[in-house]
C-alpha atoms as a PDB file:
ATOM      1  CA  UNK A   1     -19.751 -15.866  -4.579  1.00  0.00           C
ATOM      2  CA  UNK A   2     -17.566 -18.189  -2.524  1.00  0.00           C
ATOM      3  CA  UNK A   3     -19.730 -18.997   0.508  1.00  0.00           C
ATOM      4  CA  UNK A   4     -23.368 -19.048   1.497  1.00  0.00           C
ATOM      5  CA  UNK A   5     -25.444 -15.942   2.069  1.00  0.00           C
ATOM      6  CA  UNK A   6     -25.297 -16.195   5.854  1.00  0.00           C
ATOM      7  CA  UNK A   7     -21.566 -15.481   5.918  1.00  0.00           C
ATOM      8  CA  UNK A   8     -19.155 -14.470   3.179  1.00  0.00           C
ATOM      9  CA  UNK A   9     -20.589 -14.097  -0.324  1.00  0.00           C
ATOM     10  CA  UNK A  10     -17.951 -12.277  -2.348  1.00  0.00           C
ATOM     11  CA  UNK A  11     -14.498 -10.800  -2.750  1.00  0.00           C
ATOM     12  CA  UNK A  12     -13.797  -7.151  -3.583  1.00  0.00           C
ATOM     13  CA  UNK A  13     -11.019  -6.789  -6.170  1.00  0.00           C
ATOM     14  CA  UNK A  14      -9.637  -3.354  -7.072  1.00  0.00           C
ATOM     15  CA  UNK A  15      -9.338  -2.338 -10.712  1.00  0.00           C
ATOM     16  CA  UNK A  16      -7.870   0.784 -12.323  1.00  0.00           C
ATOM     17  CA  UNK A  17      -9.783   2.193 -15.290  1.00  0.00           C
ATOM     18  CA  UNK A  18      -9.124   5.026 -17.723  1.00  0.00           C
ATOM     19  CA  UNK A  19     -12.251   6.284 -19.448  1.00  0.00           C
ATOM     20  CA  UNK A  20     -12.808   8.358 -22.569  1.00  0.00           C
ATOM     21  CA  UNK A  21     -15.274  10.967 -21.347  1.00  0.00           C
ATOM     22  CA  UNK A  22     -16.577  11.555 -24.873  1.00  0.00           C
ATOM     23  CA  UNK A  23     -17.328   7.945 -25.750  1.00  0.00           C
ATOM     24  CA  UNK A  24     -17.676   6.735 -22.125  1.00  0.00           C
ATOM     25  CA  UNK A  25     -15.611   3.689 -23.085  1.00  0.00           C
ATOM     26  CA  UNK A  26     -12.813   2.076 -21.092  1.00  0.00           C
ATOM     27  CA  UNK A  27      -9.541   2.705 -22.944  1.00  0.00           C
ATOM     28  CA  UNK A  28      -7.155   1.229 -20.352  1.00  0.00           C
ATOM     29  CA  UNK A  29      -7.496  -1.024 -17.344  1.00  0.00           C
ATOM     30  CA  UNK A  30      -5.420  -2.935 -14.829  1.00  0.00           C
ATOM     31  CA  UNK A  31      -6.716  -5.402 -12.274  1.00  0.00           C
ATOM     32  CA  UNK A  32      -4.969  -6.016  -8.948  1.00  0.00           C
ATOM     33  CA  UNK A  33      -5.343  -9.748  -9.517  1.00  0.00           C
ATOM     34  CA  UNK A  34      -3.102  -9.426 -12.581  1.00  0.00           C
ATOM     35  CA  UNK A  35      -0.250  -9.166 -10.073  1.00  0.00           C
ATOM     36  CA  UNK A  36      -1.742 -10.257  -6.743  1.00  0.00           C
ATOM     37  CA  UNK A  37      -4.331 -13.025  -7.242  1.00  0.00           C
ATOM     38  CA  UNK A  38      -6.790 -13.516  -4.418  1.00  0.00           C
ATOM     39  CA  UNK A  39      -5.937 -16.498  -2.246  1.00  0.00           C
ATOM     40  CA  UNK A  40      -8.304 -17.836   0.375  1.00  0.00           C
ATOM     41  CA  UNK A  41      -5.326 -19.564   1.999  1.00  0.00           C
ATOM     42  CA  UNK A  42      -3.530 -16.225   2.429  1.00  0.00           C
ATOM     43  CA  UNK A  43      -6.641 -14.539   3.733  1.00  0.00           C
ATOM     44  CA  UNK A  44      -6.378 -13.526   7.384  1.00  0.00           C
ATOM     45  CA  UNK A  45      -9.743 -12.422   8.821  1.00  0.00           C
ATOM     46  CA  UNK A  46      -8.416  -9.806  11.205  1.00  0.00           C
ATOM     47  CA  UNK A  47      -7.801  -6.075  11.321  1.00  0.00           C
ATOM     48  CA  UNK A  48      -5.532  -6.287   8.290  1.00  0.00           C
ATOM     49  CA  UNK A  49      -8.147  -7.909   6.038  1.00  0.00           C
ATOM     50  CA  UNK A  50     -11.566  -7.054   7.449  1.00  0.00           C
ATOM     51  CA  UNK A  51     -14.831  -8.375   6.146  1.00  0.00           C
ATOM     52  CA  UNK A  52     -16.718  -5.517   4.524  1.00  0.00           C
ATOM     53  CA  UNK A  53     -20.428  -4.788   4.395  1.00  0.00           C
ATOM     54  CA  UNK A  54     -21.279  -5.165   0.698  1.00  0.00           C
ATOM     55  CA  UNK A  55     -24.963  -4.251   0.793  1.00  0.00           C
ATOM     56  CA  UNK A  56     -24.399  -1.643  -1.939  1.00  0.00           C
ATOM     57  CA  UNK A  57     -23.308  -4.493  -4.244  1.00  0.00           C
ATOM     58  CA  UNK A  58     -26.372  -6.572  -3.440  1.00  0.00           C
ATOM     59  CA  UNK A  59     -24.265  -8.860  -1.215  1.00  0.00           C
ATOM     60  CA  UNK A  60     -23.862  -9.241   2.526  1.00  0.00           C
ATOM     61  CA  UNK A  61     -20.220  -9.674   3.472  1.00  0.00           C
ATOM     62  CA  UNK A  62     -17.117  -9.494   1.291  1.00  0.00           C
ATOM     63  CA  UNK A  63     -13.419 -10.007   1.638  1.00  0.00           C
ATOM     64  CA  UNK A  64     -11.792  -6.648   0.922  1.00  0.00           C
ATOM     65  CA  UNK A  65      -8.632  -8.061  -0.666  1.00  0.00           C
ATOM     66  CA  UNK A  66      -6.343  -5.103  -1.402  1.00  0.00           C
ATOM     67  CA  UNK A  67      -8.255  -1.886  -0.588  1.00  0.00           C
ATOM     68  CA  UNK A  68      -6.390   0.536  -2.871  1.00  0.00           C
ATOM     69  CA  UNK A  69      -6.516   3.946  -1.180  1.00  0.00           C
ATOM     70  CA  UNK A  70      -3.878   6.150  -2.866  1.00  0.00           C
ATOM     71  CA  UNK A  71      -3.189   6.652  -6.569  1.00  0.00           C
ATOM     72  CA  UNK A  72      -0.920   9.072  -8.416  1.00  0.00           C
ATOM     73  CA  UNK A  73      -0.535   9.094 -12.216  1.00  0.00           C
ATOM     74  CA  UNK A  74       2.733  10.662 -13.371  1.00  0.00           C
ATOM     75  CA  UNK A  75       1.547  11.570 -16.857  1.00  0.00           C
ATOM     76  CA  UNK A  76       4.953  12.893 -17.955  1.00  0.00           C
ATOM     77  CA  UNK A  77       6.548   9.462 -17.491  1.00  0.00           C
ATOM     78  CA  UNK A  78       3.350   7.378 -17.819  1.00  0.00           C
ATOM     79  CA  UNK A  79       3.872   5.755 -14.440  1.00  0.00           C
ATOM     80  CA  UNK A  80       1.215   4.979 -11.853  1.00  0.00           C
ATOM     81  CA  UNK A  81       1.905   4.865  -8.115  1.00  0.00           C
ATOM     82  CA  UNK A  82      -0.609   2.812  -6.144  1.00  0.00           C
ATOM     83  CA  UNK A  83      -0.996   1.900  -2.490  1.00  0.00           C
ATOM     84  CA  UNK A  84      -2.697  -1.422  -1.691  1.00  0.00           C
ATOM     85  CA  UNK A  85      -3.626  -0.859   1.911  1.00  0.00           C
ATOM     86  CA  UNK A  86      -4.607  -4.329   3.094  1.00  0.00           C
ATOM     87  CA  UNK A  87      -1.755  -6.045   1.220  1.00  0.00           C
ATOM     88  CA  UNK A  88       0.799  -3.656   2.770  1.00  0.00           C
ATOM     89  CA  UNK A  89       2.229  -2.932  -0.672  1.00  0.00           C
ATOM     90  CA  UNK A  90       3.055   0.342  -2.420  1.00  0.00           C
ATOM     91  CA  UNK A  91       3.959  -0.089  -6.085  1.00  0.00           C
ATOM     92  CA  UNK A  92       5.086   1.711  -9.208  1.00  0.00           C
ATOM     93  CA  UNK A  93       3.348   0.498 -12.363  1.00  0.00           C
ATOM     94  CA  UNK A  94       4.441   1.151 -15.946  1.00  0.00           C
ATOM     95  CA  UNK A  95       1.163   2.174 -17.549  1.00  0.00           C
ATOM     96  CA  UNK A  96       2.272   1.184 -21.068  1.00  0.00           C
ATOM     97  CA  UNK A  97       3.620  -2.298 -20.327  1.00  0.00           C
ATOM     98  CA  UNK A  98       1.434  -2.899 -17.236  1.00  0.00           C
ATOM     99  CA  UNK A  99       4.547  -4.249 -15.529  1.00  0.00           C
ATOM    100  CA  UNK A 100       5.413  -3.447 -11.921  1.00  0.00           C
ATOM    101  CA  UNK A 101       8.632  -1.414 -11.788  1.00  0.00           C
ATOM    102  CA  UNK A 102       9.013  -1.927  -8.054  1.00  0.00           C
ATOM    103  CA  UNK A 103       7.027  -2.698  -4.927  1.00  0.00           C
ATOM    104  CA  UNK A 104       7.821  -1.922  -1.304  1.00  0.00           C
ATOM    105  CA  UNK A 105       6.208  -2.738   2.017  1.00  0.00           C
ATOM    106  CA  UNK A 106       5.919  -5.754   4.298  1.00  0.00           C
ATOM    107  CA  UNK A 107       3.801  -7.569   1.691  1.00  0.00           C
ATOM    108  CA  UNK A 108       6.272  -6.953  -1.150  1.00  0.00           C
ATOM    109  CA  UNK A 109       8.669  -9.608  -2.480  1.00  0.00           C
ATOM    110  CA  UNK A 110      11.283  -7.611  -4.437  1.00  0.00           C
ATOM    111  CA  UNK A 111      13.708  -7.387  -1.525  1.00  0.00           C
ATOM    112  CA  UNK A 112      13.910  -3.627  -0.968  1.00  0.00           C
ATOM    113  CA  UNK A 113      15.553  -2.613   2.317  1.00  0.00           C
ATOM    114  CA  UNK A 114      14.290   0.317   4.389  1.00  0.00           C
ATOM    115  CA  UNK A 115      16.125   2.496   6.890  1.00  0.00           C
ATOM    116  CA  UNK A 116      14.580   5.027   9.241  1.00  0.00           C
ATOM    117  CA  UNK A 117      15.504   8.696   9.373  1.00  0.00           C
ATOM    118  CA  UNK A 118      18.353   7.858  11.765  1.00  0.00           C
ATOM    119  CA  UNK A 119      19.898   5.345   9.359  1.00  0.00           C
ATOM    120  CA  UNK A 120      18.772   2.266  11.281  1.00  0.00           C
ATOM    121  CA  UNK A 121      17.322  -0.709   9.421  1.00  0.00           C
ATOM    122  CA  UNK A 122      13.569  -1.032   9.954  1.00  0.00           C
ATOM    123  CA  UNK A 123      11.875  -4.325  10.792  1.00  0.00           C
ATOM    124  CA  UNK A 124      10.905  -5.744   7.367  1.00  0.00           C
ATOM    125  CA  UNK A 125       7.573  -6.955   8.723  1.00  0.00           C
ATOM    126  CA  UNK A 126       6.735  -3.523  10.069  1.00  0.00           C
ATOM    127  CA  UNK A 127       7.303  -0.877   7.388  1.00  0.00           C
ATOM    128  CA  UNK A 128       4.060   0.931   8.182  1.00  0.00           C
ATOM    129  CA  UNK A 129       0.486   0.139   9.233  1.00  0.00           C
ATOM    130  CA  UNK A 130      -2.474   0.966   6.962  1.00  0.00           C
ATOM    131  CA  UNK A 131      -0.711   3.799   5.170  1.00  0.00           C
ATOM    132  CA  UNK A 132      -2.558   6.304   2.995  1.00  0.00           C
ATOM    133  CA  UNK A 133      -2.215   9.733   1.403  1.00  0.00           C
ATOM    134  CA  UNK A 134       0.795   8.770  -0.734  1.00  0.00           C
ATOM    135  CA  UNK A 135       1.963  11.673  -2.910  1.00  0.00           C
ATOM    136  CA  UNK A 136       4.929  11.866  -5.302  1.00  0.00           C
ATOM    137  CA  UNK A 137       7.289  14.719  -4.401  1.00  0.00           C
ATOM    138  CA  UNK A 138       9.947  14.220  -7.076  1.00  0.00           C
ATOM    139  CA  UNK A 139      11.504  11.801  -9.557  1.00  0.00           C
ATOM    140  CA  UNK A 140      15.253  12.056 -10.185  1.00  0.00           C
ATOM    141  CA  UNK A 141      17.849  10.233 -12.274  1.00  0.00           C
ATOM    142  CA  UNK A 142      21.170   9.360 -10.636  1.00  0.00           C
ATOM    143  CA  UNK A 143      24.603   9.274 -12.313  1.00  0.00           C
ATOM    144  CA  UNK A 144      24.129   5.635 -13.291  1.00  0.00           C
ATOM    145  CA  UNK A 145      20.809   6.359 -14.976  1.00  0.00           C
ATOM    146  CA  UNK A 146      18.733   4.859 -12.169  1.00  0.00           C
ATOM    147  CA  UNK A 147      15.524   6.342 -10.825  1.00  0.00           C
ATOM    148  CA  UNK A 148      15.085   7.832  -7.362  1.00  0.00           C
ATOM    149  CA  UNK A 149      11.503   8.584  -6.297  1.00  0.00           C
ATOM    150  CA  UNK A 150      10.583  10.625  -3.227  1.00  0.00           C
ATOM    151  CA  UNK A 151       7.164  10.413  -1.558  1.00  0.00           C
ATOM    152  CA  UNK A 152       5.280  11.662   1.464  1.00  0.00           C
ATOM    153  CA  UNK A 153       2.630   9.485   3.131  1.00  0.00           C
ATOM    154  CA  UNK A 154       0.739   8.910   6.371  1.00  0.00           C
ATOM    155  CA  UNK A 155       1.710   5.906   8.466  1.00  0.00           C
ATOM    156  CA  UNK A 156      -1.502   5.260  10.379  1.00  0.00           C
ATOM    157  CA  UNK A 157       0.421   3.405  13.057  1.00  0.00           C
ATOM    158  CA  UNK A 158      -2.052   4.193  15.812  1.00  0.00           C
ATOM    159  CA  UNK A 159      -4.468   1.735  14.170  1.00  0.00           C
ATOM    160  CA  UNK A 160      -1.963  -1.119  14.436  1.00  0.00           C
ATOM    161  CA  UNK A 161      -4.133  -4.121  15.339  1.00  0.00           C
ATOM    162  CA  UNK A 162      -1.098  -6.007  16.668  1.00  0.00           C
ATOM    163  CA  UNK A 163      -0.192  -3.402  19.298  1.00  0.00           C
ATOM    164  CA  UNK A 164      -0.152  -4.287  22.939  1.00  0.00           C
ATOM    165  CA  UNK A 165      -2.799  -2.818  25.275  1.00  0.00           C
ATOM    166  CA  UNK A 166      -2.117   0.770  26.286  1.00  0.00           C
ATOM    167  CA  UNK A 167      -0.405   1.012  29.670  1.00  0.00           C
ATOM    168  CA  UNK A 168      -2.109   3.299  32.161  1.00  0.00           C
ATOM    169  CA  UNK A 169      -1.046   6.888  31.599  1.00  0.00           C
ATOM    170  CA  UNK A 170       1.006   6.042  28.512  1.00  0.00           C
ATOM    171  CA  UNK A 171       0.940   4.965  24.892  1.00  0.00           C
ATOM    172  CA  UNK A 172       1.158   1.436  23.534  1.00  0.00           C
ATOM    173  CA  UNK A 173       4.617   0.063  22.798  1.00  0.00           C
ATOM    174  CA  UNK A 174       5.406  -2.542  20.127  1.00  0.00           C
ATOM    175  CA  UNK A 175       8.702  -3.691  18.612  1.00  0.00           C
ATOM    176  CA  UNK A 176      10.356  -1.570  21.293  1.00  0.00           C
ATOM    177  CA  UNK A 177       8.868   1.729  20.190  1.00  0.00           C
ATOM    178  CA  UNK A 178       5.881   3.909  20.879  1.00  0.00           C
ATOM    179  CA  UNK A 179       2.826   3.373  18.664  1.00  0.00           C
ATOM    180  CA  UNK A 180       1.458   6.544  17.066  1.00  0.00           C
ATOM    181  CA  UNK A 181       0.563   7.927  13.637  1.00  0.00           C
ATOM    182  CA  UNK A 182       3.234   9.834  11.741  1.00  0.00           C
ATOM    183  CA  UNK A 183       3.910  11.693   8.507  1.00  0.00           C
ATOM    184  CA  UNK A 184       6.859  10.278   6.535  1.00  0.00           C
ATOM    185  CA  UNK A 185       9.021  11.319   3.603  1.00  0.00           C
ATOM    186  CA  UNK A 186      10.480   8.261   1.839  1.00  0.00           C
ATOM    187  CA  UNK A 187      13.232   8.182  -0.792  1.00  0.00           C
ATOM    188  CA  UNK A 188      13.228   5.068  -3.009  1.00  0.00           C
ATOM    189  CA  UNK A 189      16.415   4.220  -4.943  1.00  0.00           C
ATOM    190  CA  UNK A 190      15.490   1.667  -7.612  1.00  0.00           C
ATOM    191  CA  UNK A 191      19.038   0.562  -8.543  1.00  0.00           C
ATOM    192  CA  UNK A 192      20.172   0.152  -4.934  1.00  0.00           C
ATOM    193  CA  UNK A 193      16.814  -1.395  -3.943  1.00  0.00           C
ATOM    194  CA  UNK A 194      16.616   0.796  -0.869  1.00  0.00           C
ATOM    195  CA  UNK A 195      13.943   2.977   0.713  1.00  0.00           C
ATOM    196  CA  UNK A 196      15.121   5.573   3.216  1.00  0.00           C
ATOM    197  CA  UNK A 197      12.996   7.651   5.540  1.00  0.00           C
ATOM    198  CA  UNK A 198      14.389  11.155   5.066  1.00  0.00           C
ATOM    199  CA  UNK A 199      11.915  13.017   7.279  1.00  0.00           C
ATOM    200  CA  UNK A 200       9.383  12.025   9.946  1.00  0.00           C
ATOM    201  CA  UNK A 201       6.869  14.045  11.939  1.00  0.00           C
ATOM    202  CA  UNK A 202       4.805  12.728  14.868  1.00  0.00           C
ATOM    203  CA  UNK A 203       1.941  14.641  16.475  1.00  0.00           C
END
């Protein structure tokens, strides 16, 4: 608990667990705070980091720190792909070493550059908004031995809390473009530290 019972009383921290179904014991685990420690100073009580009703935990309100909402375990290569919704970070985790291979998104710090499907550089602070449904399409090795991962995901842009009010008879516009949800295919080149949108569909 970090505040009194009339306001905030806890912080929700995501943790990945692998269980042995026979013994019901945890045989592997990774905590989000191992890489992204909770910081009250970085907390922004808005649409990006909402307070969450924690009655099921015996609490009242909680800070939902990372809100992991997509996970894919590539068992052939022992890699885990994880989306941390409220931190705006999608990452690749080496399951053996527990080290992050790369991270992308507006909350990431590894310096990956993203271009849209027309080859234009995307605003670093606006990669996507509350993405989910990440799925690995393929993993390739280039001539230099580097890894190229391709994903599809949902950019839930229509929920962008920073968007301007909708004009009458039209959609909201922010950063010079229309605000709407979209399906995206993204190609991540680890050696070049780039992420390129190779396909986009908007309803």
